[in-house]
């Protein structure tokens, strides 16, 4: 199995977000998992808060993303006030939220972003029937919509689409998730 590295295309896409933000901007890593690659990469120049529901993953993140504030919470019930973040990033996490909750999650992302805030999201590029599995002691959903539905839902959720790209996942081949950069309207 291949490994995700700092040279992986999905990790390199983080540069496109960082270039649009001032140094020290507040960024949420939504579904941060172990903190790699997003929190670890972004914490070099930004103030990062990572949120994940899996306590074991947060224990790993404490070692991986040293300069990151970590919060244990489910993405469907994030404890953040409105308009607090300049940007948010969610890599390989939304696919673990049941499809019927994706619209609500996108509206919540919109809520916690400042005006004109940015959202770099990793979404599904094809329909995937819902599946449930155990992941480090936590119940994990696997589900997503096709790329067209995801782009429409982002637009309906209050985001302008700045760019989108399908990228080969270096770890879970042949998966090719959709990466989207949206800006809060």
Protein backbone atom coordinates (compact mmCIF):
# COMPACT_ATOMS: atom_id res chain seq x y z
CA UNK A 1 0.00 0.00 0.00
CA UNK A 2 1.29 3.47 -0.88
CA UNK A 3 1.70 6.10 1.80
CA UNK A 4 0.50 9.68 1.97
CA UNK A 5 3.55 11.98 1.95
CA UNK A 6 4.15 15.72 1.84
CA UNK A 7 4.58 15.30 -1.93
CA UNK A 8 1.16 13.65 -2.42
CA UNK A 9 -1.13 15.73 -4.62
CA UNK A 10 -3.84 15.93 -1.95
CA UNK A 11 -1.32 17.33 0.56
CA UNK A 12 0.04 19.79 -2.01
CA UNK A 13 -3.48 21.19 -2.49
CA UNK A 14 -3.18 22.62 1.03
CA UNK A 15 -0.73 25.17 -0.42
CA UNK A 16 -3.58 26.62 -2.48
CA UNK A 17 -5.45 27.37 0.74
CA UNK A 18 -2.43 28.67 2.68
CA UNK A 19 -1.55 31.15 -0.10
CA UNK A 20 -4.97 32.78 0.26
CA UNK A 21 -4.71 33.29 4.03
CA UNK A 22 -2.76 35.78 6.13
CA UNK A 23 -0.14 34.37 8.49
CA UNK A 24 -1.80 33.44 11.78
CA UNK A 25 -5.28 33.01 10.31
CA UNK A 26 -7.59 30.76 12.34
CA UNK A 27 -8.31 27.46 10.55
CA UNK A 28 -10.42 24.46 11.55
CA UNK A 29 -9.29 20.95 10.61
CA UNK A 30 -12.72 19.29 10.62
CA UNK A 31 -12.29 15.57 11.20
CA UNK A 32 -8.59 15.97 11.97
CA UNK A 33 -7.95 12.32 12.82
CA UNK A 34 -4.28 11.86 13.69
CA UNK A 35 -3.43 15.41 12.62
CA UNK A 36 -1.61 14.31 9.47
CA UNK A 37 -1.46 15.76 6.94
CA UNK A 38 -3.74 18.78 7.41
CA UNK A 39 -3.16 20.06 10.97
CA UNK A 40 0.55 19.29 10.86
CA UNK A 41 0.98 21.11 7.54
CA UNK A 42 -1.22 24.12 8.32
CA UNK A 43 0.16 24.72 11.83
CA UNK A 44 3.45 25.89 10.29
CA UNK A 45 1.92 29.31 9.55
CA UNK A 46 -1.68 29.29 10.82
CA UNK A 47 -3.58 28.90 14.11
CA UNK A 48 -5.18 25.47 13.77
CA UNK A 49 -7.98 23.86 15.75
CA UNK A 50 -8.56 20.18 15.08
CA UNK A 51 -11.88 18.50 15.83
CA UNK A 52 -12.53 14.75 15.76
CA UNK A 53 -14.90 12.40 17.56
CA UNK A 54 -12.36 9.56 17.98
CA UNK A 55 -10.37 9.99 21.19
CA UNK A 56 -7.67 7.58 20.01
CA UNK A 57 -7.12 9.69 16.90
CA UNK A 58 -6.84 12.83 19.04
CA UNK A 59 -4.19 11.12 21.19
CA UNK A 60 -2.19 10.54 18.00
CA UNK A 61 -2.80 14.14 16.92
CA UNK A 62 -1.29 15.43 20.17
CA UNK A 63 2.01 13.89 19.02
CA UNK A 64 1.67 14.71 15.31
CA UNK A 65 0.30 18.26 15.29
CA UNK A 66 2.01 19.82 18.29
CA UNK A 67 0.82 23.40 17.80
CA UNK A 68 -2.82 22.48 17.25
CA UNK A 69 -5.71 23.01 19.67
CA UNK A 70 -7.68 19.74 19.74
CA UNK A 71 -11.39 19.33 20.47
CA UNK A 72 -13.24 16.02 20.88
CA UNK A 73 -16.60 16.44 19.16
CA UNK A 74 -18.68 14.99 16.35
CA UNK A 75 -18.77 16.99 13.11
CA UNK A 76 -22.56 16.92 13.28
CA UNK A 77 -22.46 18.80 16.60
CA UNK A 78 -19.45 21.13 16.60
CA UNK A 79 -19.16 23.43 19.64
CA UNK A 80 -17.92 26.54 17.80
CA UNK A 81 -19.46 29.99 17.74
CA UNK A 82 -20.56 31.58 14.48
CA UNK A 83 -17.99 33.42 12.37
CA UNK A 84 -14.92 32.28 14.30
CA UNK A 85 -12.71 30.72 11.57
CA UNK A 86 -11.00 32.33 8.58
CA UNK A 87 -10.97 28.95 6.85
CA UNK A 88 -11.63 25.29 7.37
CA UNK A 89 -10.26 22.14 5.87
CA UNK A 90 -11.84 18.72 5.92
CA UNK A 91 -9.83 15.88 4.39
CA UNK A 92 -11.25 12.36 4.23
CA UNK A 93 -13.83 13.10 6.94
CA UNK A 94 -17.13 14.16 5.33
CA UNK A 95 -17.27 10.74 3.65
CA UNK A 96 -17.71 9.36 7.17
CA UNK A 97 -20.84 11.39 7.86
CA UNK A 98 -24.15 9.83 6.70
CA UNK A 99 -25.17 11.31 3.33
CA UNK A 100 -28.46 12.61 4.68
CA UNK A 101 -26.47 14.88 7.04
CA UNK A 102 -24.12 16.39 4.43
CA UNK A 103 -26.30 19.44 3.65
CA UNK A 104 -26.63 20.26 7.35
CA UNK A 105 -22.86 19.85 7.83
CA UNK A 106 -22.11 22.22 4.94
CA UNK A 107 -24.49 24.81 6.44
CA UNK A 108 -22.70 24.43 9.78
CA UNK A 109 -19.33 24.92 8.07
CA UNK A 110 -20.79 28.08 6.51
CA UNK A 111 -22.00 29.25 9.94
CA UNK A 112 -18.61 28.97 11.69
CA UNK A 113 -16.68 30.74 8.92
CA UNK A 114 -16.08 34.48 8.92
CA UNK A 115 -17.48 36.47 5.97
CA UNK A 116 -15.66 35.38 2.78
CA UNK A 117 -14.13 32.47 4.72
CA UNK A 118 -12.66 29.57 2.75
CA UNK A 119 -13.53 25.87 2.89
CA UNK A 120 -11.19 23.26 1.37
CA UNK A 121 -13.16 20.02 1.37
CA UNK A 122 -12.50 16.45 0.31
CA UNK A 123 -15.77 14.96 -0.93
CA UNK A 124 -16.88 11.88 -2.79
CA UNK A 125 -16.69 11.82 -6.57
CA UNK A 126 -19.16 8.96 -7.03
CA UNK A 127 -22.20 7.60 -5.22
CA UNK A 128 -21.28 5.20 -2.41
CA UNK A 129 -23.99 3.28 -0.57
CA UNK A 130 -23.87 3.79 3.18
CA UNK A 131 -21.71 1.36 5.12
CA UNK A 132 -20.86 1.27 8.83
CA UNK A 133 -17.62 -0.08 10.27
CA UNK A 134 -15.56 0.10 13.46
CA UNK A 135 -12.58 2.49 13.37
CA UNK A 136 -10.35 2.54 16.44
CA UNK A 137 -13.30 1.82 18.70
CA UNK A 138 -15.68 4.34 17.11
CA UNK A 139 -18.62 3.74 14.77
CA UNK A 140 -17.60 4.99 11.32
CA UNK A 141 -19.93 5.66 8.40
CA UNK A 142 -18.74 5.48 4.82
CA UNK A 143 -21.01 7.28 2.36
CA UNK A 144 -20.98 10.05 -0.20
CA UNK A 145 -22.69 11.52 -3.22
CA UNK A 146 -21.37 12.01 -6.75
CA UNK A 147 -19.31 15.08 -7.62
CA UNK A 148 -22.18 17.00 -9.26
CA UNK A 149 -24.42 16.56 -6.23
CA UNK A 150 -21.62 17.63 -3.88
CA UNK A 151 -20.91 20.80 -5.88
CA UNK A 152 -24.62 21.66 -5.98
CA UNK A 153 -24.94 21.10 -2.21
CA UNK A 154 -21.98 23.41 -1.55
CA UNK A 155 -23.55 26.13 -3.69
CA UNK A 156 -26.92 25.64 -1.96
CA UNK A 157 -25.08 25.76 1.39
CA UNK A 158 -23.87 29.31 0.69
CA UNK A 159 -20.49 28.76 -0.98
CA UNK A 160 -19.10 30.06 -4.25
CA UNK A 161 -16.96 27.35 -5.87
CA UNK A 162 -13.46 28.73 -6.57
CA UNK A 163 -12.06 25.47 -7.99
CA UNK A 164 -12.49 21.72 -7.82
CA UNK A 165 -10.36 18.77 -8.80
CA UNK A 166 -10.53 14.98 -8.61
CA UNK A 167 -7.32 13.55 -7.13
CA UNK A 168 -6.04 9.99 -6.90
CA UNK A 169 -5.90 8.94 -3.23
CA UNK A 170 -2.35 7.61 -2.71
CA UNK A 171 -3.43 5.41 0.21
CA UNK A 172 -6.78 3.99 -0.90
CA UNK A 173 -6.33 3.36 -4.61
CA UNK A 174 -8.39 3.38 -6.82
CA UNK A 175 -10.37 5.97 -4.84
CA UNK A 176 -10.40 9.42 -6.46
CA UNK A 177 -12.04 11.95 -4.15
CA UNK A 178 -13.20 15.39 -5.19
CA UNK A 179 -11.37 18.35 -3.63
CA UNK A 180 -13.26 21.64 -3.63
CA UNK A 181 -12.28 25.13 -2.53
CA UNK A 182 -15.34 27.19 -1.71
CA UNK A 183 -15.76 30.71 -0.38
CA UNK A 184 -18.55 31.79 1.94
CA UNK A 185 -21.03 34.14 0.27
